[in-house]
């Protein structure tokens, strides 16, 4: 399965996140994500953005290289991260992995994480390593296995409206066909009671967050096809 890895700005990514990047991939950098990708030793296939935050040294290296650049004006409707995600989806990749160390402006972080459930990415499996957290974007209808360690915290956060038909098993507080609302904390701070939890969503979108994924052993989810 072809994977597009999107490096974004903010703090440098956690070393554990870098270990989860597959060998078969294309690497896309959203503006200053180029600096993080290169510092981590990754060759970059495409840089997307307005190039207003990449370092001077990074920009000079980029200009001297053969790396493809998709430059956008500063006055635009989409963030560099959104543009990079869409470029990844347009590349033919079946999966997108966003890599960020977090620590950027709060509004940027919220906007970027919300963009993981962009309907334009609906045909692609999308996840992110954000600081020490793992985030999986799930749009219904879909069935997933969420793998981790017994006792791991897991939160189900609906985005863009209610997420309906939620079934969660293998967790301390099971759900059976419930609807989660964005204004409620009903899905926050559940716990894995098995090494693999079963999750179903009939409609809507969820962010499945394991906030301490890289503080344990770096185990992350495996997804299976919709039932």
Protein backbone atom coordinates (compact mmCIF):
# COMPACT_ATOMS: atom_id res chain seq x y z
CA UNK A 1 0.00 0.00 0.00
CA UNK A 2 1.50 3.31 -1.09
CA UNK A 3 1.86 5.77 1.80
CA UNK A 4 2.35 9.51 1.68
CA UNK A 5 4.12 10.90 4.75
CA UNK A 6 3.46 14.58 5.44
CA UNK A 7 5.91 16.46 7.64
CA UNK A 8 4.49 19.69 9.07
CA UNK A 9 5.93 22.62 11.02
CA UNK A 10 6.02 23.28 14.74
CA UNK A 11 8.38 21.34 17.01
CA UNK A 12 10.59 18.52 15.65
CA UNK A 13 8.82 15.14 15.59
CA UNK A 14 9.24 12.61 18.38
CA UNK A 15 11.94 10.01 17.54
CA UNK A 16 9.39 7.25 18.12
CA UNK A 17 7.17 8.67 15.40
CA UNK A 18 10.01 8.50 12.90
CA UNK A 19 10.39 4.78 13.62
CA UNK A 20 6.77 4.24 12.54
CA UNK A 21 7.28 5.63 9.03
CA UNK A 22 7.14 2.83 6.44
CA UNK A 23 10.04 2.17 4.11
CA UNK A 24 7.81 2.38 1.04
CA UNK A 25 6.60 5.99 0.97
CA UNK A 26 6.63 9.33 -0.67
CA UNK A 27 7.56 12.25 1.56
CA UNK A 28 5.70 15.56 1.34
CA UNK A 29 6.71 18.59 3.40
CA UNK A 30 4.31 21.37 4.33
CA UNK A 31 6.56 24.45 4.25
CA UNK A 32 8.92 24.27 7.28
CA UNK A 33 8.15 20.57 7.56
CA UNK A 34 10.98 20.37 5.03
CA UNK A 35 13.46 21.33 7.77
CA UNK A 36 12.16 18.57 10.07
CA UNK A 37 12.18 15.94 7.35
CA UNK A 38 15.73 16.74 6.28
CA UNK A 39 16.98 16.94 9.89
CA UNK A 40 15.56 13.45 10.42
CA UNK A 41 17.41 12.17 7.34
CA UNK A 42 14.46 11.85 4.94
CA UNK A 43 14.60 12.73 1.28
CA UNK A 44 11.67 14.95 0.36
CA UNK A 45 9.73 14.33 -2.84
CA UNK A 46 7.46 17.38 -2.76
CA UNK A 47 7.26 20.64 -0.81
CA UNK A 48 3.87 22.35 -0.58
CA UNK A 49 3.04 25.79 0.80
CA UNK A 50 3.78 29.48 0.66
CA UNK A 51 7.38 28.95 1.87
CA UNK A 52 7.12 31.65 4.53
CA UNK A 53 8.32 29.53 7.46
CA UNK A 54 10.99 27.26 5.99
CA UNK A 55 14.46 28.20 7.29
CA UNK A 56 16.78 30.24 5.04
CA UNK A 57 19.20 27.30 4.93
CA UNK A 58 16.38 24.91 4.10
CA UNK A 59 15.07 27.18 1.36
CA UNK A 60 18.54 27.49 -0.16
CA UNK A 61 18.97 23.72 -0.12
CA UNK A 62 15.52 23.27 -1.62
CA UNK A 63 16.18 25.77 -4.42
CA UNK A 64 19.46 24.00 -5.27
CA UNK A 65 17.84 20.56 -5.35
CA UNK A 66 15.57 18.80 -7.81
CA UNK A 67 12.77 18.45 -5.24
CA UNK A 68 9.36 19.32 -6.67
CA UNK A 69 7.77 22.47 -5.23
CA UNK A 70 4.09 23.35 -5.25
CA UNK A 71 4.20 26.97 -4.14
CA UNK A 72 1.06 28.86 -3.15
CA UNK A 73 0.47 32.54 -2.39
CA UNK A 74 0.40 33.63 1.25
CA UNK A 75 -3.19 34.82 0.83
CA UNK A 76 -5.00 31.49 0.43
CA UNK A 77 -8.05 29.70 1.77
CA UNK A 78 -6.28 26.50 2.88
CA UNK A 79 -3.35 26.05 5.27
CA UNK A 80 -0.08 24.54 4.08
CA UNK A 81 -0.96 21.34 5.98
CA UNK A 82 -4.32 21.04 4.23
CA UNK A 83 -2.70 21.61 0.86
CA UNK A 84 -0.04 18.99 1.62
CA UNK A 85 -2.69 16.47 2.70
CA UNK A 86 -4.62 16.99 -0.51
CA UNK A 87 -1.43 16.67 -2.53
CA UNK A 88 -0.77 13.37 -0.80
CA UNK A 89 -4.26 12.13 -1.59
CA UNK A 90 -3.90 13.25 -5.21
CA UNK A 91 -0.63 11.34 -5.52
CA UNK A 92 -2.50 8.06 -5.55
CA UNK A 93 -1.47 7.09 -2.02
CA UNK A 94 -3.84 4.80 -0.16
CA UNK A 95 -2.67 6.09 3.22
CA UNK A 96 -1.53 9.40 4.68
CA UNK A 97 0.63 9.76 7.78
CA UNK A 98 1.08 13.26 9.23
CA UNK A 99 4.16 13.77 11.39
CA UNK A 100 4.38 16.69 13.82
CA UNK A 101 6.17 17.37 17.07
CA UNK A 102 3.28 19.58 18.15
CA UNK A 103 4.10 22.73 20.06
CA UNK A 104 3.07 25.08 17.29
CA UNK A 105 0.40 27.77 17.72
CA UNK A 106 -2.74 26.29 19.25
CA UNK A 107 -4.93 27.46 16.38
CA UNK A 108 -2.57 25.91 13.84
CA UNK A 109 -2.53 22.61 15.75
CA UNK A 110 -6.31 22.44 16.07
CA UNK A 111 -6.80 23.35 12.41
CA UNK A 112 -4.29 20.76 11.23
CA UNK A 113 -5.75 17.96 13.35
CA UNK A 114 -9.30 18.81 12.27
CA UNK A 115 -8.12 18.64 8.65
CA UNK A 116 -7.45 14.92 9.09
CA UNK A 117 -11.17 14.29 8.54
CA UNK A 118 -11.42 16.55 5.50
CA UNK A 119 -14.06 14.94 3.22
CA UNK A 120 -11.64 15.44 0.32
CA UNK A 121 -9.50 12.71 1.93
CA UNK A 122 -12.40 10.32 2.41
CA UNK A 123 -10.94 7.64 0.13
CA UNK A 124 -7.60 7.57 1.98
CA UNK A 125 -6.62 6.09 5.35
CA UNK A 126 -5.39 9.05 7.45
CA UNK A 127 -3.46 9.08 10.71
CA UNK A 128 -1.04 11.37 12.52
CA UNK A 129 1.75 11.24 15.02
CA UNK A 130 1.35 14.47 16.99
CA UNK A 131 3.96 14.86 19.70
CA UNK A 132 3.59 11.67 21.73
CA UNK A 133 0.02 11.07 20.55
CA UNK A 134 -1.36 8.91 17.79
CA UNK A 135 -4.47 10.17 15.99
CA UNK A 136 -6.55 8.07 13.62
CA UNK A 137 -9.20 9.69 11.42
CA UNK A 138 -12.24 7.46 10.93
CA UNK A 139 -15.20 8.32 8.69
CA UNK A 140 -18.29 6.17 8.66
CA UNK A 141 -19.20 3.61 7.68
CA UNK A 142 -16.04 1.84 8.82
CA UNK A 143 -14.77 -0.87 11.12
CA UNK A 144 -11.34 -0.67 12.75
CA UNK A 145 -9.07 -2.46 15.21
CA UNK A 146 -7.24 -0.14 17.57
CA UNK A 147 -4.13 -1.85 18.91
CA UNK A 148 -2.18 -0.79 21.97
CA UNK A 149 -1.46 -1.85 25.52
CA UNK A 150 -4.02 -2.79 28.14
CA UNK A 151 -4.59 0.34 30.22
CA UNK A 152 -3.81 2.78 27.40
CA UNK A 153 -6.00 5.88 27.31
CA UNK A 154 -8.12 6.21 24.18
CA UNK A 155 -10.50 9.04 23.31
CA UNK A 156 -13.15 9.15 20.58
CA UNK A 157 -13.72 12.72 19.45
CA UNK A 158 -16.49 13.45 16.92
CA UNK A 159 -15.70 16.16 14.39
CA UNK A 160 -18.00 18.28 12.23
CA UNK A 161 -21.20 17.01 13.82
CA UNK A 162 -22.54 13.91 15.56
CA UNK A 163 -20.89 10.55 14.93
CA UNK A 164 -23.57 7.86 14.97
CA UNK A 165 -23.71 4.10 15.39
CA UNK A 166 -20.55 3.94 17.49
CA UNK A 167 -19.67 0.48 18.72
CA UNK A 168 -16.58 0.12 20.92
CA UNK A 169 -15.53 -3.15 22.50
CA UNK A 170 -12.33 -4.07 24.30
CA UNK A 171 -12.54 -0.83 26.31
CA UNK A 172 -13.47 -0.10 29.91
CA UNK A 173 -16.57 1.84 28.90
CA UNK A 174 -18.10 -0.02 25.94
CA UNK A 175 -20.36 1.70 23.43
CA UNK A 176 -23.17 -0.08 21.61
CA UNK A 177 -24.62 1.85 18.69
CA UNK A 178 -24.34 5.20 20.46
CA UNK A 179 -24.16 8.70 19.03
CA UNK A 180 -21.33 10.99 20.14
CA UNK A 181 -21.70 14.75 19.90
CA UNK A 182 -18.88 17.30 19.44
CA UNK A 183 -20.14 19.34 22.42
CA UNK A 184 -19.97 16.34 24.79
CA UNK A 185 -16.98 14.66 26.45
CA UNK A 186 -18.73 11.26 26.38
CA UNK A 187 -15.97 9.65 24.34
CA UNK A 188 -13.00 11.11 26.25
CA UNK A 189 -10.59 9.10 28.43
CA UNK A 190 -11.68 5.53 27.82
CA UNK A 191 -9.19 2.73 28.51
CA UNK A 192 -8.13 -0.32 26.53
CA UNK A 193 -8.95 -3.55 28.35
CA UNK A 194 -7.62 -5.73 25.53
CA UNK A 195 -4.58 -5.41 23.25
CA UNK A 196 -6.94 -4.71 20.34
CA UNK A 197 -10.20 -2.79 20.64
CA UNK A 198 -13.01 -3.15 18.11
CA UNK A 199 -14.47 0.10 16.77
CA UNK A 200 -17.37 0.69 14.38
CA UNK A 201 -18.85 3.94 13.12
CA UNK A 202 -21.98 4.09 10.96
CA UNK A 203 -21.88 7.76 9.97
CA UNK A 204 -20.02 10.95 10.76
CA UNK A 205 -16.34 11.34 11.59
CA UNK A 206 -14.19 10.54 14.59
CA UNK A 207 -10.67 11.29 15.72
CA UNK A 208 -9.40 8.29 17.67
CA UNK A 209 -6.68 9.60 19.96
CA UNK A 210 -4.16 7.65 22.02
CA UNK A 211 -2.50 10.60 23.79
CA UNK A 212 0.41 8.63 25.26
CA UNK A 213 1.09 6.26 22.36
CA UNK A 214 4.82 7.03 22.25
CA UNK A 215 5.24 7.05 26.02
CA UNK A 216 4.39 3.35 26.16
CA UNK A 217 5.96 1.28 23.39
CA UNK A 218 5.01 3.06 20.18
CA UNK A 219 2.38 0.46 19.29
CA UNK A 220 -0.20 1.94 16.96
CA UNK A 221 -3.44 0.97 15.29
CA UNK A 222 -4.10 -1.52 12.56
CA UNK A 223 -7.15 -0.90 10.44
CA UNK A 224 -9.23 -3.45 8.61
CA UNK A 225 -11.68 -2.86 5.79
CA UNK A 226 -15.23 -1.70 6.35
CA UNK A 227 -17.71 -4.43 7.16
